[in-house]
Amino acid sequence: MSVMQATSVAFETSCNFCVAVRRQVITAFKSIYDGIVLGQQLRTNYRVAEHLAGKGDYKGMTVAEVANLINEKTI
């Protein structure tokens, strides 16, 4: 095996390793990011529900009930 072939094999192996590590890192960060986005959406929905509960179409409904309705439509 020539030096050029050995270098090529080593580079390909290290690239495959980097690709595998990158996939794992992206998967982990995507899960964290999705959790943060979901948490923000739920908090925002609850704040909106606080303003809507007991008014207009939501008369007689609690904040939790209104929040659940909003969550069903937005999540």
PDB file of N, CA and C in Angstrom:
ATOM      1  N   MET A   1       0.855  -1.166   0.000  1.00  0.00           N
ATOM      2  CA  MET A   1       0.000   0.000   0.000  1.00  0.00           C
ATOM      3  C   MET A   1       0.899   1.226   0.000  1.00  0.00           C
ATOM      4  N   SER A   2       0.599   2.115  -0.888  1.00  0.00           N
ATOM      5  CA  SER A   2       1.404   3.327  -0.980  1.00  0.00           C
ATOM      6  C   SER A   2       0.998   4.308   0.120  1.00  0.00           C
ATOM      7  N   VAL A   3       1.823   5.301   0.304  1.00  0.00           N
ATOM      8  CA  VAL A   3       1.550   6.331   1.304  1.00  0.00           C
ATOM      9  C   VAL A   3       0.249   7.047   0.954  1.00  0.00           C
ATOM     10  N   MET A   4       0.046   7.301  -0.328  1.00  0.00           N
ATOM     11  CA  MET A   4      -1.166   7.996  -0.758  1.00  0.00           C
ATOM     12  C   MET A   4      -2.409   7.156  -0.452  1.00  0.00           C
ATOM     13  N   GLN A   5      -2.350   5.863  -0.672  1.00  0.00           N
ATOM     14  CA  GLN A   5      -3.481   4.985  -0.376  1.00  0.00           C
ATOM     15  C   GLN A   5      -3.737   4.929   1.132  1.00  0.00           C
ATOM     16  N   ALA A   6      -2.663   4.838   1.897  1.00  0.00           N
ATOM     17  CA  ALA A   6      -2.797   4.785   3.357  1.00  0.00           C
ATOM     18  C   ALA A   6      -3.416   6.077   3.884  1.00  0.00           C
ATOM     19  N   THR A   7      -2.977   7.191   3.338  1.00  0.00           N
ATOM     20  CA  THR A   7      -3.530   8.476   3.749  1.00  0.00           C
ATOM     21  C   THR A   7      -5.006   8.557   3.389  1.00  0.00           C
ATOM     22  N   SER A   8      -5.353   8.077   2.214  1.00  0.00           N
ATOM     23  CA  SER A   8      -6.739   8.095   1.763  1.00  0.00           C
ATOM     24  C   SER A   8      -7.621   7.243   2.674  1.00  0.00           C
ATOM     25  N   VAL A   9      -7.145   6.058   3.032  1.00  0.00           N
ATOM     26  CA  VAL A   9      -7.897   5.170   3.924  1.00  0.00           C
ATOM     27  C   VAL A   9      -8.050   5.816   5.299  1.00  0.00           C
ATOM     28  N   ALA A  10      -6.974   6.390   5.810  1.00  0.00           N
ATOM     29  CA  ALA A  10      -7.043   7.040   7.123  1.00  0.00           C
ATOM     30  C   ALA A  10      -8.014   8.218   7.097  1.00  0.00           C
ATOM     31  N   PHE A  11      -7.972   8.996   6.033  1.00  0.00           N
ATOM     32  CA  PHE A  11      -8.862  10.146   5.916  1.00  0.00           C
ATOM     33  C   PHE A  11     -10.320   9.696   5.842  1.00  0.00           C
ATOM     34  N   GLU A  12     -10.575   8.656   5.047  1.00  0.00           N
ATOM     35  CA  GLU A  12     -11.947   8.151   4.914  1.00  0.00           C
ATOM     36  C   GLU A  12     -12.461   7.625   6.242  1.00  0.00           C
ATOM     37  N   THR A  13     -11.616   6.909   6.983  1.00  0.00           N
ATOM     38  CA  THR A  13     -12.007   6.371   8.284  1.00  0.00           C
ATOM     39  C   THR A  13     -12.307   7.501   9.258  1.00  0.00           C
ATOM     40  N   SER A  14     -11.442   8.514   9.295  1.00  0.00           N
ATOM     41  CA  SER A  14     -11.668   9.614  10.222  1.00  0.00           C
ATOM     42  C   SER A  14     -12.901  10.413   9.826  1.00  0.00           C
ATOM     43  N   CYS A  15     -13.157  10.545   8.520  1.00  0.00           N
ATOM     44  CA  CYS A  15     -14.358  11.253   8.060  1.00  0.00           C
ATOM     45  C   CYS A  15     -15.613  10.495   8.466  1.00  0.00           C
ATOM     46  N   ASN A  16     -15.592   9.178   8.324  1.00  0.00           N
ATOM     47  CA  ASN A  16     -16.744   8.375   8.740  1.00  0.00           C
ATOM     48  C   ASN A  16     -17.000   8.522  10.230  1.00  0.00           C
ATOM     49  N   PHE A  17     -15.922   8.563  10.999  1.00  0.00           N
ATOM     50  CA  PHE A  17     -16.046   8.760  12.442  1.00  0.00           C
ATOM     51  C   PHE A  17     -16.654  10.125  12.729  1.00  0.00           C
ATOM     52  N   CYS A  18     -16.169  11.159  12.027  1.00  0.00           N
ATOM     53  CA  CYS A  18     -16.695  12.515  12.228  1.00  0.00           C
ATOM     54  C   CYS A  18     -18.169  12.596  11.863  1.00  0.00           C
ATOM     55  N   VAL A  19     -18.551  11.935  10.801  1.00  0.00           N
ATOM     56  CA  VAL A  19     -19.955  11.933  10.382  1.00  0.00           C
ATOM     57  C   VAL A  19     -20.820  11.273  11.451  1.00  0.00           C
ATOM     58  N   ALA A  20     -20.362  10.171  12.002  1.00  0.00           N
ATOM     59  CA  ALA A  20     -21.121   9.475  13.039  1.00  0.00           C
ATOM     60  C   ALA A  20     -21.255  10.339  14.295  1.00  0.00           C
ATOM     61  N   VAL A  21     -20.175  10.982  14.687  1.00  0.00           N
ATOM     62  CA  VAL A  21     -20.216  11.852  15.867  1.00  0.00           C
ATOM     63  C   VAL A  21     -21.147  13.034  15.607  1.00  0.00           C
ATOM     64  N   ARG A  22     -21.043  13.612  14.423  1.00  0.00           N
ATOM     65  CA  ARG A  22     -21.891  14.761  14.078  1.00  0.00           C
ATOM     66  C   ARG A  22     -23.364  14.380  14.127  1.00  0.00           C
ATOM     67  N   ARG A  23     -23.709  13.218  13.620  1.00  0.00           N
ATOM     68  CA  ARG A  23     -25.109  12.764  13.659  1.00  0.00           C
ATOM     69  C   ARG A  23     -25.608  12.638  15.087  1.00  0.00           C
ATOM     70  N   GLN A  24     -24.772  12.091  15.960  1.00  0.00           N
ATOM     71  CA  GLN A  24     -25.171  11.928  17.358  1.00  0.00           C
ATOM     72  C   GLN A  24     -25.369  13.284  18.032  1.00  0.00           C
ATOM     73  N   VAL A  25     -24.464  14.199  17.766  1.00  0.00           N
ATOM     74  CA  VAL A  25     -24.552  15.528  18.374  1.00  0.00           C
ATOM     75  C   VAL A  25     -25.791  16.258  17.859  1.00  0.00           C
ATOM     76  N   ILE A  26     -26.030  16.182  16.566  1.00  0.00           N
ATOM     77  CA  ILE A  26     -27.203  16.850  15.986  1.00  0.00           C
ATOM     78  C   ILE A  26     -28.480  16.273  16.571  1.00  0.00           C
ATOM     79  N   THR A  27     -28.543  14.962  16.714  1.00  0.00           N
ATOM     80  CA  THR A  27     -29.726  14.325  17.287  1.00  0.00           C
ATOM     81  C   THR A  27     -29.971  14.808  18.707  1.00  0.00           C
ATOM     82  N   ALA A  28     -28.912  14.877  19.502  1.00  0.00           N
ATOM     83  CA  ALA A  28     -29.053  15.331  20.890  1.00  0.00           C
ATOM     84  C   ALA A  28     -29.496  16.787  20.944  1.00  0.00           C
ATOM     85  N   PHE A  29     -28.860  17.643  20.170  1.00  0.00           N
ATOM     86  CA  PHE A  29     -29.218  19.054  20.198  1.00  0.00           C
ATOM     87  C   PHE A  29     -30.611  19.295  19.634  1.00  0.00           C
ATOM     88  N   LYS A  30     -31.019  18.512  18.643  1.00  0.00           N
ATOM     89  CA  LYS A  30     -32.360  18.674  18.086  1.00  0.00           C
ATOM     90  C   LYS A  30     -33.408  18.348  19.141  1.00  0.00           C
ATOM     91  N   SER A  31     -33.178  17.315  19.926  1.00  0.00           N
ATOM     92  CA  SER A  31     -34.111  16.957  20.987  1.00  0.00           C
ATOM     93  C   SER A  31     -34.206  18.078  22.019  1.00  0.00           C
ATOM     94  N   ILE A  32     -33.067  18.627  22.381  1.00  0.00           N
ATOM     95  CA  ILE A  32     -33.049  19.725  23.353  1.00  0.00           C
ATOM     96  C   ILE A  32     -33.760  20.945  22.780  1.00  0.00           C
ATOM     97  N   TYR A  33     -33.453  21.286  21.536  1.00  0.00           N
ATOM     98  CA  TYR A  33     -34.071  22.433  20.883  1.00  0.00           C
ATOM     99  C   TYR A  33     -35.588  22.256  20.781  1.00  0.00           C
ATOM    100  N   ASP A  34     -36.027  21.069  20.372  1.00  0.00           N
ATOM    101  CA  ASP A  34     -37.458  20.805  20.261  1.00  0.00           C
ATOM    102  C   ASP A  34     -38.142  20.948  21.619  1.00  0.00           C
ATOM    103  N   GLY A  35     -37.486  20.504  22.673  1.00  0.00           N
ATOM    104  CA  GLY A  35     -38.041  20.646  24.025  1.00  0.00           C
ATOM    105  C   GLY A  35     -38.171  22.096  24.437  1.00  0.00           C
ATOM    106  N   ILE A  36     -37.174  22.902  24.095  1.00  0.00           N
ATOM    107  CA  ILE A  36     -37.218  24.328  24.423  1.00  0.00           C
ATOM    108  C   ILE A  36     -38.352  25.013  23.664  1.00  0.00           C
ATOM    109  N   VAL A  37     -38.477  24.718  22.384  1.00  0.00           N
ATOM    110  CA  VAL A  37     -39.531  25.324  21.567  1.00  0.00           C
ATOM    111  C   VAL A  37     -40.910  24.909  22.093  1.00  0.00           C
ATOM    112  N   LEU A  38     -41.069  23.637  22.429  1.00  0.00           N
ATOM    113  CA  LEU A  38     -42.339  23.163  22.963  1.00  0.00           C
ATOM    114  C   LEU A  38     -42.667  23.863  24.280  1.00  0.00           C
ATOM    115  N   GLY A  39     -41.671  23.988  25.144  1.00  0.00           N
ATOM    116  CA  GLY A  39     -41.889  24.678  26.420  1.00  0.00           C
ATOM    117  C   GLY A  39     -42.316  26.124  26.227  1.00  0.00           C
ATOM    118  N   GLN A  40     -41.691  26.804  25.298  1.00  0.00           N
ATOM    119  CA  GLN A  40     -42.067  28.198  25.022  1.00  0.00           C
ATOM    120  C   GLN A  40     -43.481  28.290  24.472  1.00  0.00           C
ATOM    121  N   GLN A  41     -43.850  27.351  23.600  1.00  0.00           N
ATOM    122  CA  GLN A  41     -45.200  27.360  23.033  1.00  0.00           C
ATOM    123  C   GLN A  41     -46.243  27.114  24.116  1.00  0.00           C
ATOM    124  N   LEU A  42     -45.984  26.163  24.995  1.00  0.00           N
ATOM    125  CA  LEU A  42     -46.922  25.869  26.074  1.00  0.00           C
ATOM    126  C   LEU A  42     -47.081  27.060  27.018  1.00  0.00           C
ATOM    127  N   ARG A  43     -45.975  27.714  27.329  1.00  0.00           N
ATOM    128  CA  ARG A  43     -46.024  28.890  28.209  1.00  0.00           C
ATOM    129  C   ARG A  43     -46.804  30.025  27.551  1.00  0.00           C
ATOM    130  N   THR A  44     -46.556  30.243  26.285  1.00  0.00           N
ATOM    131  CA  THR A  44     -47.271  31.294  25.555  1.00  0.00           C
ATOM    132  C   THR A  44     -48.758  30.978  25.479  1.00  0.00           C
ATOM    133  N   ASN A  45     -49.092  29.731  25.205  1.00  0.00           N
ATOM    134  CA  ASN A  45     -50.499  29.336  25.156  1.00  0.00           C
ATOM    135  C   ASN A  45     -51.178  29.576  26.503  1.00  0.00           C
ATOM    136  N   TYR A  46     -50.490  29.301  27.585  1.00  0.00           N
ATOM    137  CA  TYR A  46     -51.070  29.502  28.916  1.00  0.00           C
ATOM    138  C   TYR A  46     -51.294  30.990  29.183  1.00  0.00           C
ATOM    139  N   ARG A  47     -50.345  31.815  28.774  1.00  0.00           N
ATOM    140  CA  ARG A  47     -50.510  33.259  28.961  1.00  0.00           C
ATOM    141  C   ARG A  47     -51.698  33.788  28.166  1.00  0.00           C
ATOM    142  N   VAL A  48     -51.866  33.301  26.954  1.00  0.00           N
ATOM    143  CA  VAL A  48     -53.016  33.701  26.140  1.00  0.00           C
ATOM    144  C   VAL A  48     -54.304  33.219  26.801  1.00  0.00           C
ATOM    145  N   ALA A  49     -54.279  32.000  27.303  1.00  0.00           N
ATOM    146  CA  ALA A  49     -55.463  31.434  27.969  1.00  0.00           C
ATOM    147  C   ALA A  49     -55.853  32.260  29.192  1.00  0.00           C
ATOM    148  N   GLU A  50     -54.857  32.799  29.897  1.00  0.00           N
ATOM    149  CA  GLU A  50     -55.164  33.650  31.062  1.00  0.00           C
ATOM    150  C   GLU A  50     -55.995  34.861  30.654  1.00  0.00           C
ATOM    151  N   HIS A  51     -55.736  35.390  29.477  1.00  0.00           N
ATOM    152  CA  HIS A  51     -56.470  36.570  29.006  1.00  0.00           C
ATOM    153  C   HIS A  51     -57.840  36.206  28.432  1.00  0.00           C
ATOM    154  N   LEU A  52     -57.977  35.006  27.911  1.00  0.00           N
ATOM    155  CA  LEU A  52     -59.225  34.623  27.260  1.00  0.00           C
ATOM    156  C   LEU A  52     -60.233  33.955  28.191  1.00  0.00           C
ATOM    157  N   ALA A  53     -59.751  33.312  29.240  1.00  0.00           N
ATOM    158  CA  ALA A  53     -60.634  32.534  30.126  1.00  0.00           C
ATOM    159  C   ALA A  53     -61.741  33.425  30.690  1.00  0.00           C
ATOM    160  N   GLY A  54     -62.966  32.916  30.608  1.00  0.00           N
ATOM    161  CA  GLY A  54     -64.114  33.622  31.172  1.00  0.00           C
ATOM    162  C   GLY A  54     -64.651  34.744  30.304  1.00  0.00           C
ATOM    163  N   LYS A  55     -64.088  34.916  29.107  1.00  0.00           N
ATOM    164  CA  LYS A  55     -64.522  36.004  28.233  1.00  0.00           C
ATOM    165  C   LYS A  55     -64.978  35.457  26.890  1.00  0.00           C
ATOM    166  N   GLY A  56     -65.947  36.124  26.278  1.00  0.00           N
ATOM    167  CA  GLY A  56     -66.377  35.793  24.922  1.00  0.00           C
ATOM    168  C   GLY A  56     -66.744  34.334  24.760  1.00  0.00           C
ATOM    169  N   ASP A  57     -66.124  33.681  23.778  1.00  0.00           N
ATOM    170  CA  ASP A  57     -66.413  32.274  23.496  1.00  0.00           C
ATOM    171  C   ASP A  57     -65.962  31.339  24.619  1.00  0.00           C
ATOM    172  N   TYR A  58     -65.186  31.843  25.528  1.00  0.00           N
ATOM    173  CA  TYR A  58     -64.606  31.003  26.581  1.00  0.00           C
ATOM    174  C   TYR A  58     -65.253  31.250  27.947  1.00  0.00           C
ATOM    175  N   LYS A  59     -66.454  31.842  27.957  1.00  0.00           N
ATOM    176  CA  LYS A  59     -67.167  32.086  29.219  1.00  0.00           C
ATOM    177  C   LYS A  59     -67.417  30.773  29.935  1.00  0.00           C
ATOM    178  N   GLY A  60     -67.190  30.787  31.216  1.00  0.00           N
ATOM    179  CA  GLY A  60     -67.415  29.603  32.029  1.00  0.00           C
ATOM    180  C   GLY A  60     -66.287  28.594  31.970  1.00  0.00           C
ATOM    181  N   MET A  61     -65.222  28.896  31.251  1.00  0.00           N
ATOM    182  CA  MET A  61     -64.089  27.967  31.144  1.00  0.00           C
ATOM    183  C   MET A  61     -62.938  28.468  32.014  1.00  0.00           C
ATOM    184  N   THR A  62     -62.223  27.523  32.589  1.00  0.00           N
ATOM    185  CA  THR A  62     -61.054  27.873  33.398  1.00  0.00           C
ATOM    186  C   THR A  62     -59.862  28.128  32.482  1.00  0.00           C
ATOM    187  N   VAL A  63     -58.812  28.678  33.061  1.00  0.00           N
ATOM    188  CA  VAL A  63     -57.589  28.932  32.296  1.00  0.00           C
ATOM    189  C   VAL A  63     -57.026  27.619  31.751  1.00  0.00           C
ATOM    190  N   ALA A  64     -57.039  26.581  32.564  1.00  0.00           N
ATOM    191  CA  ALA A  64     -56.502  25.282  32.133  1.00  0.00           C
ATOM    192  C   ALA A  64     -57.296  24.722  30.957  1.00  0.00           C
ATOM    193  N   GLU A  65     -58.606  24.862  30.998  1.00  0.00           N
ATOM    194  CA  GLU A  65     -59.435  24.360  29.904  1.00  0.00           C
ATOM    195  C   GLU A  65     -59.145  25.113  28.602  1.00  0.00           C
ATOM    196  N   VAL A  66     -59.038  26.439  28.702  1.00  0.00           N
ATOM    197  CA  VAL A  66     -58.731  27.240  27.518  1.00  0.00           C
ATOM    198  C   VAL A  66     -57.335  26.892  27.001  1.00  0.00           C
ATOM    199  N   ALA A  67     -56.379  26.749  27.900  1.00  0.00           N
ATOM    200  CA  ALA A  67     -55.011  26.395  27.501  1.00  0.00           C
ATOM    201  C   ALA A  67     -54.993  25.055  26.774  1.00  0.00           C
ATOM    202  N   ASN A  68     -55.758  24.092  27.262  1.00  0.00           N
ATOM    203  CA  ASN A  68     -55.821  22.783  26.594  1.00  0.00           C
ATOM    204  C   ASN A  68     -56.388  22.905  25.188  1.00  0.00           C
ATOM    205  N   LEU A  69     -57.418  23.723  25.020  1.00  0.00           N
ATOM    206  CA  LEU A  69     -57.969  23.940  23.680  1.00  0.00           C
ATOM    207  C   LEU A  69     -56.935  24.566  22.744  1.00  0.00           C
ATOM    208  N   ILE A  70     -56.227  25.556  23.243  1.00  0.00           N
ATOM    209  CA  ILE A  70     -55.204  26.214  22.424  1.00  0.00           C
ATOM    210  C   ILE A  70     -54.079  25.237  22.091  1.00  0.00           C
ATOM    211  N   ASN A  71     -53.682  24.447  23.076  1.00  0.00           N
ATOM    212  CA  ASN A  71     -52.610  23.460  22.855  1.00  0.00           C
ATOM    213  C   ASN A  71     -52.984  22.460  21.770  1.00  0.00           C
ATOM    214  N   GLU A  72     -54.251  22.026  21.774  1.00  0.00           N
ATOM    215  CA  GLU A  72     -54.696  21.065  20.760  1.00  0.00           C
ATOM    216  C   GLU A  72     -54.574  21.632  19.352  1.00  0.00           C
ATOM    217  N   LYS A  73     -54.768  22.953  19.230  1.00  0.00           N
ATOM    218  CA  LYS A  73     -54.735  23.573  17.907  1.00  0.00           C
ATOM    219  C   LYS A  73     -53.324  23.972  17.472  1.00  0.00           C
ATOM    220  N   THR A  74     -52.438  24.195  18.412  1.00  0.00           N
ATOM    221  CA  THR A  74     -51.119  24.718  18.048  1.00  0.00           C
ATOM    222  C   THR A  74     -49.991  23.698  18.143  1.00  0.00           C
ATOM    223  N   ILE A  75     -50.225  22.603  18.793  1.00  0.00           N
ATOM    224  CA  ILE A  75     -49.132  21.615  18.988  1.00  0.00           C
ATOM    225  C   ILE A  75     -49.431  20.359  18.216  1.00  0.00           C
TER     226      ILE A  75
END
